[in-house]
Amino acid sequence: MLLYAQTDEVIQPNHTYQMSGNRIDVKTLNLNCEFSIIAEQLNSIAADFFGITKKL
């Protein structure tokens, strides 16, 4: 997984690729907010990546 800080650009990298049978995720993270929101974003990314359906 590649994790990028969100910028002012219109296009933000958020995509999943399959390369040679491997899953490569590219995600952006908004760091311009309270830590509790950043933690929620990270939990959501982890839940999506590992296929977790319940709240972490």
PDB file of N, CA and C in Angstrom:
ATOM      1  N   MET A   1       0.841  -1.165   0.000  1.00  0.00           N
ATOM      2  CA  MET A   1       0.000   0.000   0.000  1.00  0.00           C
ATOM      3  C   MET A   1       0.889   1.230   0.000  1.00  0.00           C
ATOM      4  N   LEU A   2       0.502   2.190  -0.837  1.00  0.00           N
ATOM      5  CA  LEU A   2       1.139   3.497  -0.851  1.00  0.00           C
ATOM      6  C   LEU A   2       0.157   4.475  -0.231  1.00  0.00           C
ATOM      7  N   LEU A   3       0.598   5.192   0.760  1.00  0.00           N
ATOM      8  CA  LEU A   3      -0.258   6.125   1.479  1.00  0.00           C
ATOM      9  C   LEU A   3       0.308   7.526   1.295  1.00  0.00           C
ATOM     10  N   TYR A   4      -0.490   8.415   0.700  1.00  0.00           N
ATOM     11  CA  TYR A   4      -0.069   9.776   0.405  1.00  0.00           C
ATOM     12  C   TYR A   4      -0.856  10.772   1.242  1.00  0.00           C
ATOM     13  N   ALA A   5      -0.212  11.882   1.573  1.00  0.00           N
ATOM     14  CA  ALA A   5      -0.914  12.987   2.218  1.00  0.00           C
ATOM     15  C   ALA A   5      -1.745  13.706   1.158  1.00  0.00           C
ATOM     16  N   GLN A   6      -2.972  14.058   1.500  1.00  0.00           N
ATOM     17  CA  GLN A   6      -3.859  14.766   0.583  1.00  0.00           C
ATOM     18  C   GLN A   6      -3.303  16.155   0.297  1.00  0.00           C
ATOM     19  N   THR A   7      -3.437  16.607  -0.948  1.00  0.00           N
ATOM     20  CA  THR A   7      -2.974  17.926  -1.361  1.00  0.00           C
ATOM     21  C   THR A   7      -4.155  18.735  -1.894  1.00  0.00           C
ATOM     22  N   ASP A   8      -3.863  19.909  -2.448  1.00  0.00           N
ATOM     23  CA  ASP A   8      -4.902  20.764  -3.035  1.00  0.00           C
ATOM     24  C   ASP A   8      -5.259  20.369  -4.462  1.00  0.00           C
ATOM     25  N   GLU A   9      -4.578  19.396  -5.020  1.00  0.00           N
ATOM     26  CA  GLU A   9      -4.825  18.986  -6.399  1.00  0.00           C
ATOM     27  C   GLU A   9      -6.232  18.426  -6.563  1.00  0.00           C
ATOM     28  N   VAL A  10      -6.777  18.593  -7.748  1.00  0.00           N
ATOM     29  CA  VAL A  10      -8.120  18.103  -8.044  1.00  0.00           C
ATOM     30  C   VAL A  10      -8.151  16.574  -8.025  1.00  0.00           C
ATOM     31  N   ILE A  11      -7.160  15.958  -8.614  1.00  0.00           N
ATOM     32  CA  ILE A  11      -7.087  14.499  -8.689  1.00  0.00           C
ATOM     33  C   ILE A  11      -6.250  13.986  -7.522  1.00  0.00           C
ATOM     34  N   GLN A  12      -6.839  13.094  -6.723  1.00  0.00           N
ATOM     35  CA  GLN A  12      -6.165  12.475  -5.584  1.00  0.00           C
ATOM     36  C   GLN A  12      -5.977  10.992  -5.882  1.00  0.00           C
ATOM     37  N   PRO A  13      -4.779  10.447  -5.591  1.00  0.00           N
ATOM     38  CA  PRO A  13      -4.564   9.018  -5.871  1.00  0.00           C
ATOM     39  C   PRO A  13      -5.319   8.123  -4.882  1.00  0.00           C
ATOM     40  N   ASN A  14      -6.339   7.457  -5.364  1.00  0.00           N
ATOM     41  CA  ASN A  14      -7.108   6.475  -4.595  1.00  0.00           C
ATOM     42  C   ASN A  14      -7.523   5.376  -5.567  1.00  0.00           C
ATOM     43  N   HIS A  15      -6.758   4.313  -5.586  1.00  0.00           N
ATOM     44  CA  HIS A  15      -7.052   3.262  -6.552  1.00  0.00           C
ATOM     45  C   HIS A  15      -6.428   1.945  -6.086  1.00  0.00           C
ATOM     46  N   THR A  16      -6.967   0.853  -6.588  1.00  0.00           N
ATOM     47  CA  THR A  16      -6.402  -0.473  -6.345  1.00  0.00           C
ATOM     48  C   THR A  16      -5.960  -1.043  -7.681  1.00  0.00           C
ATOM     49  N   TYR A  17      -4.740  -1.552  -7.707  1.00  0.00           N
ATOM     50  CA  TYR A  17      -4.170  -2.144  -8.917  1.00  0.00           C
ATOM     51  C   TYR A  17      -3.860  -3.608  -8.654  1.00  0.00           C
ATOM     52  N   GLN A  18      -3.895  -4.406  -9.708  1.00  0.00           N
ATOM     53  CA  GLN A  18      -3.448  -5.789  -9.657  1.00  0.00           C
ATOM     54  C   GLN A  18      -2.218  -5.891 -10.558  1.00  0.00           C
ATOM     55  N   MET A  19      -1.078  -6.249  -9.967  1.00  0.00           N
ATOM     56  CA  MET A  19       0.168  -6.372 -10.725  1.00  0.00           C
ATOM     57  C   MET A  19       0.785  -7.729 -10.442  1.00  0.00           C
ATOM     58  N   SER A  20       0.881  -8.543 -11.454  1.00  0.00           N
ATOM     59  CA  SER A  20       1.473  -9.887 -11.322  1.00  0.00           C
ATOM     60  C   SER A  20       0.828 -10.671 -10.189  1.00  0.00           C
ATOM     61  N   GLY A  21      -0.490 -10.529 -10.032  1.00  0.00           N
ATOM     62  CA  GLY A  21      -1.226 -11.247  -9.006  1.00  0.00           C
ATOM     63  C   GLY A  21      -1.177 -10.609  -7.637  1.00  0.00           C
ATOM     64  N   ASN A  22      -0.530  -9.465  -7.505  1.00  0.00           N
ATOM     65  CA  ASN A  22      -0.423  -8.765  -6.230  1.00  0.00           C
ATOM     66  C   ASN A  22      -1.334  -7.545  -6.214  1.00  0.00           C
ATOM     67  N   ARG A  23      -1.943  -7.314  -5.073  1.00  0.00           N
ATOM     68  CA  ARG A  23      -2.820  -6.152  -4.897  1.00  0.00           C
ATOM     69  C   ARG A  23      -1.976  -4.967  -4.424  1.00  0.00           C
ATOM     70  N   ILE A  24      -2.048  -3.864  -5.150  1.00  0.00           N
ATOM     71  CA  ILE A  24      -1.356  -2.634  -4.783  1.00  0.00           C
ATOM     72  C   ILE A  24      -2.416  -1.556  -4.599  1.00  0.00           C
ATOM     73  N   ASP A  25      -2.540  -1.051  -3.369  1.00  0.00           N
ATOM     74  CA  ASP A  25      -3.506   0.007  -3.071  1.00  0.00           C
ATOM     75  C   ASP A  25      -2.775   1.337  -2.947  1.00  0.00           C
ATOM     76  N   VAL A  26      -3.372   2.379  -3.518  1.00  0.00           N
ATOM     77  CA  VAL A  26      -2.862   3.743  -3.404  1.00  0.00           C
ATOM     78  C   VAL A  26      -3.975   4.560  -2.766  1.00  0.00           C
ATOM     79  N   LYS A  27      -3.688   5.172  -1.613  1.00  0.00           N
ATOM     80  CA  LYS A  27      -4.701   5.916  -0.855  1.00  0.00           C
ATOM     81  C   LYS A  27      -4.164   7.282  -0.462  1.00  0.00           C
ATOM     82  N   THR A  28      -5.074   8.233  -0.263  1.00  0.00           N
ATOM     83  CA  THR A  28      -4.699   9.537   0.273  1.00  0.00           C
ATOM     84  C   THR A  28      -5.296   9.691   1.662  1.00  0.00           C
ATOM     85  N   LEU A  29      -4.619  10.478   2.464  1.00  0.00           N
ATOM     86  CA  LEU A  29      -5.011  10.696   3.846  1.00  0.00           C
ATOM     87  C   LEU A  29      -5.003  12.194   4.113  1.00  0.00           C
ATOM     88  N   ASN A  30      -6.134  12.724   4.589  1.00  0.00           N
ATOM     89  CA  ASN A  30      -6.224  14.144   4.919  1.00  0.00           C
ATOM     90  C   ASN A  30      -5.591  14.362   6.294  1.00  0.00           C
ATOM     91  N   LEU A  31      -4.450  15.046   6.310  1.00  0.00           N
ATOM     92  CA  LEU A  31      -3.749  15.303   7.561  1.00  0.00           C
ATOM     93  C   LEU A  31      -4.093  16.670   8.144  1.00  0.00           C
ATOM     94  N   ASN A  32      -4.950  17.414   7.463  1.00  0.00           N
ATOM     95  CA  ASN A  32      -5.321  18.759   7.888  1.00  0.00           C
ATOM     96  C   ASN A  32      -6.606  18.718   8.716  1.00  0.00           C
ATOM     97  N   CYS A  33      -6.584  17.895   9.783  1.00  0.00           N
ATOM     98  CA  CYS A  33      -7.761  17.763  10.643  1.00  0.00           C
ATOM     99  C   CYS A  33      -7.316  17.217  12.002  1.00  0.00           C
ATOM    100  N   GLU A  34      -8.265  17.120  12.913  1.00  0.00           N
ATOM    101  CA  GLU A  34      -7.980  16.596  14.251  1.00  0.00           C
ATOM    102  C   GLU A  34      -7.497  15.148  14.167  1.00  0.00           C
ATOM    103  N   PHE A  35      -6.679  14.763  15.153  1.00  0.00           N
ATOM    104  CA  PHE A  35      -6.128  13.407  15.126  1.00  0.00           C
ATOM    105  C   PHE A  35      -7.214  12.337  15.152  1.00  0.00           C
ATOM    106  N   SER A  36      -8.309  12.580  15.840  1.00  0.00           N
ATOM    107  CA  SER A  36      -9.384  11.576  15.890  1.00  0.00           C
ATOM    108  C   SER A  36      -9.932  11.288  14.492  1.00  0.00           C
ATOM    109  N   ILE A  37      -9.998  12.304  13.644  1.00  0.00           N
ATOM    110  CA  ILE A  37     -10.464  12.131  12.255  1.00  0.00           C
ATOM    111  C   ILE A  37      -9.409  11.370  11.454  1.00  0.00           C
ATOM    112  N   ILE A  38      -8.146  11.692  11.668  1.00  0.00           N
ATOM    113  CA  ILE A  38      -7.067  10.972  10.985  1.00  0.00           C
ATOM    114  C   ILE A  38      -7.114   9.496  11.376  1.00  0.00           C
ATOM    115  N   ALA A  39      -7.330   9.223  12.653  1.00  0.00           N
ATOM    116  CA  ALA A  39      -7.430   7.838  13.125  1.00  0.00           C
ATOM    117  C   ALA A  39      -8.597   7.118  12.455  1.00  0.00           C
ATOM    118  N   GLU A  40      -9.735   7.798  12.299  1.00  0.00           N
ATOM    119  CA  GLU A  40     -10.892   7.200  11.617  1.00  0.00           C
ATOM    120  C   GLU A  40     -10.551   6.872  10.171  1.00  0.00           C
ATOM    121  N   GLN A  41      -9.846   7.787   9.498  1.00  0.00           N
ATOM    122  CA  GLN A  41      -9.440   7.544   8.111  1.00  0.00           C
ATOM    123  C   GLN A  41      -8.537   6.313   8.022  1.00  0.00           C
ATOM    124  N   LEU A  42      -7.559   6.232   8.929  1.00  0.00           N
ATOM    125  CA  LEU A  42      -6.649   5.085   8.932  1.00  0.00           C
ATOM    126  C   LEU A  42      -7.381   3.785   9.230  1.00  0.00           C
ATOM    127  N   ASN A  43      -8.311   3.814  10.175  1.00  0.00           N
ATOM    128  CA  ASN A  43      -9.104   2.621  10.481  1.00  0.00           C
ATOM    129  C   ASN A  43      -9.930   2.191   9.282  1.00  0.00           C
ATOM    130  N   SER A  44     -10.491   3.142   8.566  1.00  0.00           N
ATOM    131  CA  SER A  44     -11.285   2.834   7.384  1.00  0.00           C
ATOM    132  C   SER A  44     -10.419   2.216   6.284  1.00  0.00           C
ATOM    133  N   ILE A  45      -9.239   2.777   6.079  1.00  0.00           N
ATOM    134  CA  ILE A  45      -8.312   2.235   5.077  1.00  0.00           C
ATOM    135  C   ILE A  45      -7.923   0.808   5.458  1.00  0.00           C
ATOM    136  N   ALA A  46      -7.592   0.577   6.728  1.00  0.00           N
ATOM    137  CA  ALA A  46      -7.217  -0.763   7.184  1.00  0.00           C
ATOM    138  C   ALA A  46      -8.376  -1.736   7.023  1.00  0.00           C
ATOM    139  N   ALA A  47      -9.588  -1.304   7.372  1.00  0.00           N
ATOM    140  CA  ALA A  47     -10.763  -2.174   7.246  1.00  0.00           C
ATOM    141  C   ALA A  47     -10.995  -2.551   5.784  1.00  0.00           C
ATOM    142  N   ASP A  48     -10.874  -1.582   4.874  1.00  0.00           N
ATOM    143  CA  ASP A  48     -11.034  -1.869   3.442  1.00  0.00           C
ATOM    144  C   ASP A  48      -9.958  -2.828   2.953  1.00  0.00           C
ATOM    145  N   PHE A  49      -8.729  -2.601   3.372  1.00  0.00           N
ATOM    146  CA  PHE A  49      -7.609  -3.399   2.890  1.00  0.00           C
ATOM    147  C   PHE A  49      -7.706  -4.843   3.361  1.00  0.00           C
ATOM    148  N   PHE A  50      -8.097  -5.037   4.627  1.00  0.00           N
ATOM    149  CA  PHE A  50      -8.168  -6.378   5.177  1.00  0.00           C
ATOM    150  C   PHE A  50      -9.560  -6.999   5.094  1.00  0.00           C
ATOM    151  N   GLY A  51     -10.518  -6.268   4.497  1.00  0.00           N
ATOM    152  CA  GLY A  51     -11.853  -6.806   4.316  1.00  0.00           C
ATOM    153  C   GLY A  51     -12.646  -6.911   5.599  1.00  0.00           C
ATOM    154  N   ILE A  52     -12.362  -6.048   6.565  1.00  0.00           N
ATOM    155  CA  ILE A  52     -13.067  -6.052   7.837  1.00  0.00           C
ATOM    156  C   ILE A  52     -14.357  -5.262   7.683  1.00  0.00           C
ATOM    157  N   THR A  53     -15.477  -5.854   8.098  1.00  0.00           N
ATOM    158  CA  THR A  53     -16.756  -5.168   7.953  1.00  0.00           C
ATOM    159  C   THR A  53     -17.230  -4.509   9.227  1.00  0.00           C
ATOM    160  N   LYS A  54     -16.701  -4.899  10.371  1.00  0.00           N
ATOM    161  CA  LYS A  54     -17.115  -4.268  11.624  1.00  0.00           C
ATOM    162  C   LYS A  54     -16.184  -3.112  11.958  1.00  0.00           C
ATOM    163  N   LYS A  55     -16.669  -2.199  12.796  1.00  0.00           N
ATOM    164  CA  LYS A  55     -15.882  -1.035  13.181  1.00  0.00           C
ATOM    165  C   LYS A  55     -14.705  -1.474  14.042  1.00  0.00           C
ATOM    166  N   LEU A  56     -13.511  -0.894  13.751  1.00  0.00           N
ATOM    167  CA  LEU A  56     -12.312  -1.222  14.510  1.00  0.00           C
ATOM    168  C   LEU A  56     -12.297  -0.511  15.840  1.00  0.00           C
TER     169      LEU A  56
END
